[in-house]
Amino acid sequence: MSDEIPDGFYDFDEVVREARATYTPEELARERELEERAEEQLERAELVYAMRTGAPSSVVHKP
C-alpha cells in the first residue's frame, strides 16, 4: 500500500505544520494549554457517560 496522497486530498500533517508556522510562540503555548484542557474535558465527559449508562470506564475510555 502506498503512502502517497491521492490528487484532491491534503496531507494533514503538512497542513498542520504550515498553520503552526504562522503562530507566535505565545500562541503555540496557549494551544498546548487548550489541548490539555480539552483532554481533561473529554475524560470528564467519558466518566459522566459511564456513570449515566452504567458502562465500565474501561469500555468508554480507550487508552
Foldseek 3Di string as FASTA:
>chain_A
DDPDDDPPDDDVVVVVVVVVVPDDPVVVVVVVVVVVVVVVVQLVVLVVVCVVVVPPSCVSDPD
